[in-house]
N, C-alpha and C. Protein backbone atom coordinates (compact mmCIF):
# COMPACT_ATOMS: atom_id res chain seq x y z
N MET A 1 -54.28 148.86 -26.98
CA MET A 1 -55.13 150.09 -26.87
C MET A 1 -54.82 150.83 -27.49
N LYS A 2 -55.99 151.55 -28.42
CA LYS A 2 -55.92 152.69 -29.49
C LYS A 2 -55.63 153.86 -29.04
N ASP A 3 -55.96 154.47 -28.06
CA ASP A 3 -55.37 155.72 -27.44
C ASP A 3 -54.55 155.63 -26.81
N ARG A 4 -53.57 154.63 -26.29
CA ARG A 4 -52.44 154.57 -25.98
C ARG A 4 -50.95 155.53 -26.61
N ARG A 5 -50.65 156.18 -25.62
CA ARG A 5 -49.85 157.63 -26.30
C ARG A 5 -48.53 157.24 -25.87
N GLY A 6 -48.01 155.92 -25.52
CA GLY A 6 -46.41 155.88 -25.05
C GLY A 6 -46.20 155.45 -23.91
N PRO A 7 -44.99 155.03 -23.34
CA PRO A 7 -44.59 154.57 -22.23
C PRO A 7 -45.06 155.02 -21.05
N ASP A 8 -45.34 156.23 -20.91
CA ASP A 8 -45.67 157.34 -19.65
C ASP A 8 -46.92 157.36 -19.38
N ASP A 9 -48.09 156.92 -20.65
CA ASP A 9 -49.02 156.61 -20.55
C ASP A 9 -49.67 155.50 -19.65
N LEU A 10 -48.87 154.10 -20.44
CA LEU A 10 -49.64 153.06 -19.65
C LEU A 10 -47.95 152.17 -19.97
N SER A 11 -47.24 151.77 -19.04
CA SER A 11 -46.49 150.70 -19.50
C SER A 11 -45.73 149.72 -17.98
N GLY A 12 -44.85 148.88 -18.03
CA GLY A 12 -44.71 148.11 -16.80
C GLY A 12 -43.70 147.06 -17.16
N ARG A 13 -43.28 146.54 -16.30
CA ARG A 13 -43.05 145.22 -16.29
C ARG A 13 -43.07 144.25 -14.63
N ILE A 14 -42.82 143.01 -15.15
CA ILE A 14 -43.24 141.97 -14.16
C ILE A 14 -42.23 141.13 -14.03
N VAL A 15 -41.56 140.85 -12.65
CA VAL A 15 -40.53 140.37 -12.60
C VAL A 15 -41.33 138.65 -11.64
N VAL A 16 -41.11 137.92 -12.24
CA VAL A 16 -41.32 136.44 -11.60
C VAL A 16 -39.82 135.67 -11.00
N ALA A 17 -40.04 134.99 -9.75
CA ALA A 17 -38.97 134.03 -9.47
C ALA A 17 -39.71 133.10 -8.84
N TYR A 18 -38.70 132.13 -8.28
CA TYR A 18 -39.43 130.84 -7.73
C TYR A 18 -38.32 130.27 -6.72
N ASP A 19 -38.36 129.78 -5.81
CA ASP A 19 -37.35 128.78 -5.04
C ASP A 19 -38.20 127.46 -4.43
N ASP A 20 -37.62 126.71 -3.47
CA ASP A 20 -38.45 125.36 -3.48
C ASP A 20 -39.65 125.82 -2.18
N GLU A 21 -39.62 126.67 -1.80
CA GLU A 21 -41.25 127.23 -0.96
C GLU A 21 -42.12 128.10 -1.65
N PHE A 22 -41.67 129.12 -2.39
CA PHE A 22 -42.54 130.22 -2.72
C PHE A 22 -42.18 130.60 -4.43
N LEU A 23 -43.45 131.15 -4.80
CA LEU A 23 -43.49 132.02 -5.80
C LEU A 23 -43.30 133.35 -5.74
N TYR A 24 -42.22 134.24 -6.32
CA TYR A 24 -42.44 135.61 -6.03
C TYR A 24 -42.65 136.17 -7.36
N LEU A 25 -43.33 137.58 -7.25
CA LEU A 25 -43.86 138.49 -8.31
C LEU A 25 -43.82 139.38 -7.74
N ALA A 26 -43.27 140.04 -8.53
CA ALA A 26 -42.83 142.05 -8.59
C ALA A 26 -43.39 142.49 -9.96
N ALA A 27 -43.83 143.60 -9.52
CA ALA A 27 -44.53 144.59 -10.33
C ALA A 27 -44.34 146.39 -10.26
N GLU A 28 -44.17 146.85 -11.36
CA GLU A 28 -43.32 148.41 -11.64
C GLU A 28 -44.48 148.73 -12.81
N ILE A 29 -45.52 149.20 -12.42
CA ILE A 29 -46.30 150.13 -13.66
C ILE A 29 -46.22 151.55 -13.34
N ARG A 30 -46.51 151.67 -14.58
CA ARG A 30 -46.42 153.56 -15.10
C ARG A 30 -48.24 153.39 -15.87
N ASP A 31 -48.72 154.52 -15.00
CA ASP A 31 -49.95 155.00 -15.88
C ASP A 31 -50.10 156.92 -15.47
N ASP A 32 -50.05 157.52 -16.41
CA ASP A 32 -50.28 158.99 -16.29
C ASP A 32 -51.20 159.12 -15.58
N ILE A 33 -52.56 158.56 -15.84
CA ILE A 33 -54.03 159.17 -14.91
C ILE A 33 -54.24 157.76 -13.86
N HIS A 34 -54.21 158.05 -12.63
CA HIS A 34 -54.92 156.94 -11.70
C HIS A 34 -55.93 157.24 -11.89
N SER A 35 -56.72 155.89 -11.27
CA SER A 35 -57.99 155.89 -11.20
C SER A 35 -58.71 154.50 -10.59
N GLN A 36 -58.45 154.76 -8.96
CA GLN A 36 -59.18 153.86 -8.51
C GLN A 36 -59.82 154.77 -7.17
N PRO A 37 -61.13 154.35 -7.50
CA PRO A 37 -62.23 154.90 -6.19
C PRO A 37 -62.64 154.01 -5.80
N ASN A 38 -62.16 152.47 -5.41
CA ASN A 38 -62.62 151.39 -5.21
C ASN A 38 -61.68 151.11 -3.78
N ALA A 39 -62.40 150.40 -2.87
CA ALA A 39 -61.74 149.89 -1.47
C ALA A 39 -61.77 148.44 -1.27
N ASP A 40 -60.81 148.03 -0.65
CA ASP A 40 -60.73 146.14 0.17
C ASP A 40 -61.15 145.67 -1.34
N ASP A 41 -62.18 144.75 -0.98
CA ASP A 41 -62.17 143.34 -2.02
C ASP A 41 -62.77 144.14 -3.37
N GLN A 42 -63.02 145.37 -3.64
CA GLN A 42 -63.33 146.13 -5.11
C GLN A 42 -62.44 146.84 -5.47
N VAL A 43 -61.21 146.80 -4.82
CA VAL A 43 -59.86 147.16 -5.83
C VAL A 43 -59.81 146.94 -7.37
N TRP A 44 -60.14 145.42 -7.45
CA TRP A 44 -59.69 145.14 -8.95
C TRP A 44 -60.59 145.82 -10.05
N GLN A 45 -61.79 146.18 -9.35
CA GLN A 45 -62.28 147.29 -10.71
C GLN A 45 -61.78 148.84 -11.13
N GLY A 46 -60.86 148.75 -10.41
CA GLY A 46 -60.22 150.08 -11.04
C GLY A 46 -59.08 149.79 -11.32
N ASP A 47 -57.82 151.10 -11.33
CA ASP A 47 -56.55 150.55 -11.55
C ASP A 47 -56.10 149.59 -10.46
N SER A 48 -55.18 148.71 -10.94
CA SER A 48 -55.04 147.80 -10.06
C SER A 48 -54.53 146.39 -10.84
N ILE A 49 -53.36 145.75 -9.99
CA ILE A 49 -53.02 144.50 -11.16
C ILE A 49 -53.27 143.12 -10.52
N GLN A 50 -53.47 142.59 -11.09
CA GLN A 50 -53.80 140.98 -10.78
C GLN A 50 -53.14 139.66 -10.93
N PHE A 51 -52.68 139.19 -9.91
CA PHE A 51 -51.99 138.01 -10.38
C PHE A 51 -52.95 136.44 -9.81
N ALA A 52 -52.70 135.78 -10.95
CA ALA A 52 -53.39 134.52 -10.65
C ALA A 52 -52.81 133.26 -10.91
N CYS A 53 -53.02 131.95 -10.13
CA CYS A 53 -51.76 131.04 -10.47
C CYS A 53 -52.93 129.70 -9.94
N ALA A 54 -52.68 128.68 -10.64
CA ALA A 54 -53.26 127.39 -10.26
C ALA A 54 -52.43 126.08 -10.11
N GLY A 55 -52.96 125.17 -9.63
CA GLY A 55 -52.44 123.98 -9.91
C GLY A 55 -52.76 123.10 -11.27
N ARG A 56 -52.61 121.97 -11.22
CA ARG A 56 -53.26 120.64 -12.29
C ARG A 56 -54.25 120.75 -12.04
N PRO A 57 -55.16 121.51 -13.47
CA PRO A 57 -56.34 121.07 -13.07
C PRO A 57 -57.00 119.95 -12.68
N TRP A 58 -56.10 118.98 -13.41
CA TRP A 58 -57.00 117.47 -13.34
C TRP A 58 -56.84 116.92 -11.70
N GLU A 59 -56.11 117.66 -11.05
CA GLU A 59 -55.81 117.63 -9.64
C GLU A 59 -56.72 118.54 -8.79
N ASN A 60 -57.72 119.23 -9.10
CA ASN A 60 -58.55 120.36 -8.38
C ASN A 60 -58.04 121.16 -7.60
N SER A 61 -57.06 121.44 -8.14
CA SER A 61 -55.88 122.28 -7.25
C SER A 61 -56.56 123.75 -7.20
N LYS A 62 -56.00 124.58 -6.03
CA LYS A 62 -56.87 125.41 -5.73
C LYS A 62 -56.26 126.42 -6.97
N ARG A 63 -57.12 127.81 -6.92
CA ARG A 63 -56.46 129.06 -7.34
C ARG A 63 -56.43 129.78 -6.72
N TYR A 64 -55.61 130.52 -6.74
CA TYR A 64 -54.89 131.89 -6.07
C TYR A 64 -54.89 132.62 -6.76
N GLU A 65 -55.44 134.20 -5.80
CA GLU A 65 -55.70 135.18 -7.05
C GLU A 65 -55.41 136.30 -6.00
N LEU A 66 -54.68 137.34 -6.52
CA LEU A 66 -54.14 138.62 -5.60
C LEU A 66 -54.30 139.70 -6.55
N THR A 67 -55.38 140.67 -5.74
CA THR A 67 -55.37 141.83 -6.69
C THR A 67 -54.40 143.06 -5.48
N ALA A 68 -53.63 143.97 -6.21
CA ALA A 68 -53.02 144.74 -5.67
C ALA A 68 -53.45 146.28 -6.25
N ALA A 69 -53.76 147.22 -5.72
CA ALA A 69 -53.67 148.62 -5.78
C ALA A 69 -53.14 149.77 -4.97
N LEU A 70 -53.30 150.86 -5.70
CA LEU A 70 -52.65 152.33 -4.69
C LEU A 70 -54.35 153.03 -4.10
N THR A 71 -54.86 152.97 -3.39
CA THR A 71 -56.44 153.70 -2.83
C THR A 71 -56.26 155.14 -2.31
N THR A 72 -57.10 155.82 -2.17
CA THR A 72 -56.84 156.88 -1.43
C THR A 72 -56.13 156.72 0.14
N LYS A 73 -56.39 155.76 0.67
CA LYS A 73 -56.26 155.17 1.61
C LYS A 73 -54.36 154.22 1.97
N GLY A 74 -53.62 154.36 0.63
CA GLY A 74 -52.67 153.68 0.79
C GLY A 74 -52.89 152.46 -0.03
N ALA A 75 -52.01 151.82 0.15
CA ALA A 75 -51.86 150.30 -0.80
C ALA A 75 -53.30 149.16 -0.08
N ALA A 76 -53.40 148.62 -1.08
CA ALA A 76 -54.79 148.01 -0.78
C ALA A 76 -54.38 146.52 -1.41
N GLY A 77 -55.24 145.65 -0.81
CA GLY A 77 -55.49 144.32 -1.95
C GLY A 77 -56.69 143.76 -1.63
N SER A 78 -57.34 142.72 -2.39
CA SER A 78 -58.48 142.38 -2.78
C SER A 78 -58.60 140.75 -1.62
N ASN A 79 -57.38 140.40 -1.16
CA ASN A 79 -57.36 139.67 0.14
C ASN A 79 -57.14 139.89 1.46
N GLY A 80 -57.46 141.32 1.66
CA GLY A 80 -56.95 141.92 2.84
C GLY A 80 -55.52 142.18 3.03
N VAL A 81 -54.97 142.05 1.68
CA VAL A 81 -53.63 142.17 1.84
C VAL A 81 -53.07 143.63 2.27
N PRO A 82 -52.40 143.73 3.63
CA PRO A 82 -51.63 144.92 4.02
C PRO A 82 -50.82 145.21 2.94
N ARG A 83 -50.16 146.49 2.51
CA ARG A 83 -49.22 146.76 1.65
C ARG A 83 -49.07 145.92 0.81
N CYS A 84 -49.88 145.58 0.10
CA CYS A 84 -50.00 144.28 -1.25
C CYS A 84 -49.01 143.43 -1.57
N GLU A 85 -48.60 142.67 -0.33
CA GLU A 85 -47.79 141.72 -0.40
C GLU A 85 -48.30 140.72 0.83
N LYS A 86 -48.07 139.42 -0.26
CA LYS A 86 -48.66 137.75 0.44
C LYS A 86 -47.87 136.97 0.07
N SER A 87 -47.35 136.26 0.46
CA SER A 87 -47.00 134.91 0.09
C SER A 87 -47.85 133.73 0.26
N PHE A 88 -47.80 132.95 -0.47
CA PHE A 88 -48.67 131.27 -0.46
C PHE A 88 -47.61 130.35 -0.69
N PRO A 89 -47.13 129.23 0.25
CA PRO A 89 -46.60 127.86 -0.01
C PRO A 89 -46.99 127.46 -1.31
N ILE A 90 -45.89 126.91 -1.89
CA ILE A 90 -46.23 126.05 -3.08
C ILE A 90 -46.14 124.31 -2.58
């Protein structure tokens, strides 16, 4: 991003962990200008974070995608995820 002005403008960290049953994802994002005019399954079009994972392509595995955002109504996700959290067994 050519107009980025440093870590207060846009920065973040992502932590990934797993155990025998779940994949755990956590993110902390900093952005000096919040822009999220969308709601429900359209939050991916504004400030948001997206996680996607898929199994082995040669096995026709399912793909999982989760979008989380802060909206004027609070935390939201594109999969109807309240509070921006969802678990998928692996």
